[in-house]
Amino acid sequence: MGKVMLMAEKKKEKLLTYKGKPLVRCGRTLYYGNPEDPFVIMLQILETKQMGDLELADKVSVQLLNTDPEVRPKDRIVKKSEKKGLYEAMDIASIWLERALNP
C-alpha cells in the first residue's frame, strides 16, 4: 500500500499547473482545471505555425465544459471561442474557469 501511495505522490508532483489548476495535454488538446470541479476548460490547437525550430499554436479553440455526467454531451459546452495563440487562449480560459467556479 505504501508503494502505491508513493507512486501517486510522485505523479502529483509532476502535474503541470497554471494559476494553481491542473493543465494536462493529450496530443493537440489541453484540459485546464480539476475534473472533479463542476467545470473545466478544453483547449484544442486548430492551427500551428513554424517559428524557427519550434511549432507554435496559432489558432486555438477554447471551450468551458460542464463536467456533470447527467448533462447531455452536446449541452456540456457552456461557452466557446477561438483565440490567436496559446497565450490569449489560456488568458480567457483562466478568466472563464474562475468565474464559473466562483459565481
C-alpha atoms as a PDB file:
ATOM      1  CA  MET A   1       0.000   0.000   0.000  1.00  0.00           C
ATOM      2  CA  GLY A   2       2.819   2.399   0.860  1.00  0.00           C
ATOM      3  CA  LYS A   3       4.446   1.892  -2.547  1.00  0.00           C
ATOM      4  CA  VAL A   4       1.209   2.779  -4.358  1.00  0.00           C
ATOM      5  CA  MET A   5       0.838   5.974  -2.317  1.00  0.00           C
ATOM      6  CA  LEU A   6       4.448   6.924  -3.031  1.00  0.00           C
ATOM      7  CA  MET A   7       3.903   6.446  -6.775  1.00  0.00           C
ATOM      8  CA  ALA A   8       0.705   8.524  -6.654  1.00  0.00           C
ATOM      9  CA  GLU A   9       2.540  11.298  -4.806  1.00  0.00           C
ATOM     10  CA  LYS A  10       5.318  11.305  -7.433  1.00  0.00           C
ATOM     11  CA  LYS A  11       2.771  11.588 -10.240  1.00  0.00           C
ATOM     12  CA  LYS A  12       1.097  14.529  -8.463  1.00  0.00           C
ATOM     13  CA  GLU A  13       4.439  16.299  -8.167  1.00  0.00           C
ATOM     14  CA  LYS A  14       4.951  16.126 -11.946  1.00  0.00           C
ATOM     15  CA  LEU A  15       1.494  17.517 -12.764  1.00  0.00           C
ATOM     16  CA  LEU A  16       1.750  20.792 -14.662  1.00  0.00           C
ATOM     17  CA  THR A  17      -0.390  23.603 -13.268  1.00  0.00           C
ATOM     18  CA  TYR A  18      -1.385  27.065 -14.426  1.00  0.00           C
ATOM     19  CA  LYS A  19      -2.599  29.566 -11.839  1.00  0.00           C
ATOM     20  CA  GLY A  20      -2.939  26.715  -9.334  1.00  0.00           C
ATOM     21  CA  LYS A  21      -5.110  24.467 -11.504  1.00  0.00           C
ATOM     22  CA  PRO A  22      -4.047  21.285 -13.356  1.00  0.00           C
ATOM     23  CA  LEU A  23      -3.105  21.539 -17.023  1.00  0.00           C
ATOM     24  CA  VAL A  24      -2.988  18.229 -18.904  1.00  0.00           C
ATOM     25  CA  ARG A  25      -2.056  17.745 -22.560  1.00  0.00           C
ATOM     26  CA  CYS A  26      -3.188  14.920 -24.814  1.00  0.00           C
ATOM     27  CA  GLY A  27      -1.931  15.470 -28.363  1.00  0.00           C
ATOM     28  CA  ARG A  28      -3.276  18.800 -29.628  1.00  0.00           C
ATOM     29  CA  THR A  29      -5.840  19.035 -26.812  1.00  0.00           C
ATOM     30  CA  LEU A  30      -5.239  20.560 -23.399  1.00  0.00           C
ATOM     31  CA  TYR A  31      -7.519  20.281 -20.379  1.00  0.00           C
ATOM     32  CA  TYR A  32      -7.337  23.008 -17.768  1.00  0.00           C
ATOM     33  CA  GLY A  33      -8.927  22.609 -14.349  1.00  0.00           C
ATOM     34  CA  ASN A  34      -9.751  19.876 -11.883  1.00  0.00           C
ATOM     35  CA  PRO A  35     -12.057  17.220 -13.421  1.00  0.00           C
ATOM     36  CA  GLU A  36     -13.780  16.875 -10.030  1.00  0.00           C
ATOM     37  CA  ASP A  37     -14.946  20.514 -10.209  1.00  0.00           C
ATOM     38  CA  PRO A  38     -18.257  21.424 -11.897  1.00  0.00           C
ATOM     39  CA  PHE A  39     -16.421  23.000 -14.873  1.00  0.00           C
ATOM     40  CA  VAL A  40     -13.171  22.536 -16.841  1.00  0.00           C
ATOM     41  CA  ILE A  41     -11.692  24.137 -19.935  1.00  0.00           C
ATOM     42  CA  MET A  42     -10.827  22.241 -23.107  1.00  0.00           C
ATOM     43  CA  LEU A  43      -8.355  23.899 -25.473  1.00  0.00           C
ATOM     44  CA  GLN A  44      -7.838  22.453 -28.945  1.00  0.00           C
ATOM     45  CA  ILE A  45      -4.966  23.586 -31.141  1.00  0.00           C
ATOM     46  CA  LEU A  46      -6.569  24.012 -34.560  1.00  0.00           C
ATOM     47  CA  GLU A  47      -3.642  25.516 -36.477  1.00  0.00           C
ATOM     48  CA  THR A  48       0.074  25.873 -35.874  1.00  0.00           C
ATOM     49  CA  LYS A  49       2.842  27.940 -37.388  1.00  0.00           C
ATOM     50  CA  GLN A  50       6.555  27.304 -37.640  1.00  0.00           C
ATOM     51  CA  MET A  51       8.952  29.737 -35.972  1.00  0.00           C
ATOM     52  CA  GLY A  52      12.496  28.554 -36.472  1.00  0.00           C
ATOM     53  CA  ASP A  53      12.710  25.061 -34.997  1.00  0.00           C
ATOM     54  CA  LEU A  54       9.526  25.498 -32.947  1.00  0.00           C
ATOM     55  CA  GLU A  55       5.956  24.697 -33.879  1.00  0.00           C
ATOM     56  CA  LEU A  56       3.675  27.229 -32.153  1.00  0.00           C
ATOM     57  CA  ALA A  57      -0.083  27.178 -31.631  1.00  0.00           C
ATOM     58  CA  ASP A  58      -1.628  29.797 -33.912  1.00  0.00           C
ATOM     59  CA  LYS A  59      -5.385  29.185 -33.719  1.00  0.00           C
ATOM     60  CA  VAL A  60      -6.858  27.701 -30.534  1.00  0.00           C
ATOM     61  CA  SER A  61     -10.433  26.707 -29.711  1.00  0.00           C
ATOM     62  CA  VAL A  62     -11.432  27.376 -26.085  1.00  0.00           C
ATOM     63  CA  GLN A  63     -14.484  25.679 -24.525  1.00  0.00           C
ATOM     64  CA  LEU A  64     -15.849  25.905 -20.994  1.00  0.00           C
ATOM     65  CA  LEU A  65     -17.320  22.473 -20.256  1.00  0.00           C
ATOM     66  CA  ASN A  66     -19.780  21.303 -17.620  1.00  0.00           C
ATOM     67  CA  THR A  67     -18.404  18.104 -16.023  1.00  0.00           C
ATOM     68  CA  ASP A  68     -21.793  16.799 -14.793  1.00  0.00           C
ATOM     69  CA  PRO A  69     -22.212  13.299 -16.306  1.00  0.00           C
ATOM     70  CA  GLU A  70     -26.009  13.739 -16.212  1.00  0.00           C
ATOM     71  CA  VAL A  71     -25.831  16.573 -18.762  1.00  0.00           C
ATOM     72  CA  ARG A  72     -26.117  15.536 -22.422  1.00  0.00           C
ATOM     73  CA  PRO A  73     -22.783  15.786 -24.277  1.00  0.00           C
ATOM     74  CA  LYS A  74     -23.991  18.497 -26.659  1.00  0.00           C
ATOM     75  CA  ASP A  75     -25.249  20.577 -23.706  1.00  0.00           C
ATOM     76  CA  ARG A  76     -21.938  20.370 -21.822  1.00  0.00           C
ATOM     77  CA  ILE A  77     -20.406  23.255 -23.780  1.00  0.00           C
ATOM     78  CA  VAL A  78     -21.213  26.380 -21.764  1.00  0.00           C
ATOM     79  CA  LYS A  79     -19.038  28.873 -23.691  1.00  0.00           C
ATOM     80  CA  LYS A  80     -16.723  28.680 -26.665  1.00  0.00           C
ATOM     81  CA  SER A  81     -14.371  30.944 -28.567  1.00  0.00           C
ATOM     82  CA  GLU A  82     -11.353  30.872 -30.863  1.00  0.00           C
ATOM     83  CA  LYS A  83      -8.191  32.758 -29.997  1.00  0.00           C
ATOM     84  CA  LYS A  84      -4.966  33.550 -31.806  1.00  0.00           C
ATOM     85  CA  GLY A  85      -2.171  31.843 -29.930  1.00  0.00           C
ATOM     86  CA  LEU A  86      -1.962  29.823 -26.748  1.00  0.00           C
ATOM     87  CA  TYR A  87      -1.322  32.874 -24.550  1.00  0.00           C
ATOM     88  CA  GLU A  88      -4.648  34.524 -25.466  1.00  0.00           C
ATOM     89  CA  ALA A  89      -6.439  31.169 -25.151  1.00  0.00           C
ATOM     90  CA  MET A  90      -5.044  30.488 -21.668  1.00  0.00           C
ATOM     91  CA  ASP A  91      -5.837  34.050 -20.605  1.00  0.00           C
ATOM     92  CA  ILE A  92      -9.548  33.751 -21.450  1.00  0.00           C
ATOM     93  CA  ALA A  93      -9.627  30.160 -20.163  1.00  0.00           C
ATOM     94  CA  SER A  94      -8.427  31.184 -16.711  1.00  0.00           C
ATOM     95  CA  ILE A  95     -10.986  34.011 -16.548  1.00  0.00           C
ATOM     96  CA  TRP A  96     -13.903  31.802 -17.651  1.00  0.00           C
ATOM     97  CA  LEU A  97     -12.955  28.990 -15.275  1.00  0.00           C
ATOM     98  CA  GLU A  98     -12.522  31.325 -12.314  1.00  0.00           C
ATOM     99  CA  ARG A  99     -15.908  32.969 -12.941  1.00  0.00           C
ATOM    100  CA  ALA A 100     -17.673  29.612 -13.457  1.00  0.00           C
ATOM    101  CA  LEU A 101     -16.279  28.142 -10.242  1.00  0.00           C
ATOM    102  CA  ASN A 102     -16.800  31.296  -8.144  1.00  0.00           C
ATOM    103  CA  PRO A 103     -20.076  32.906  -9.288  1.00  0.00           C
END
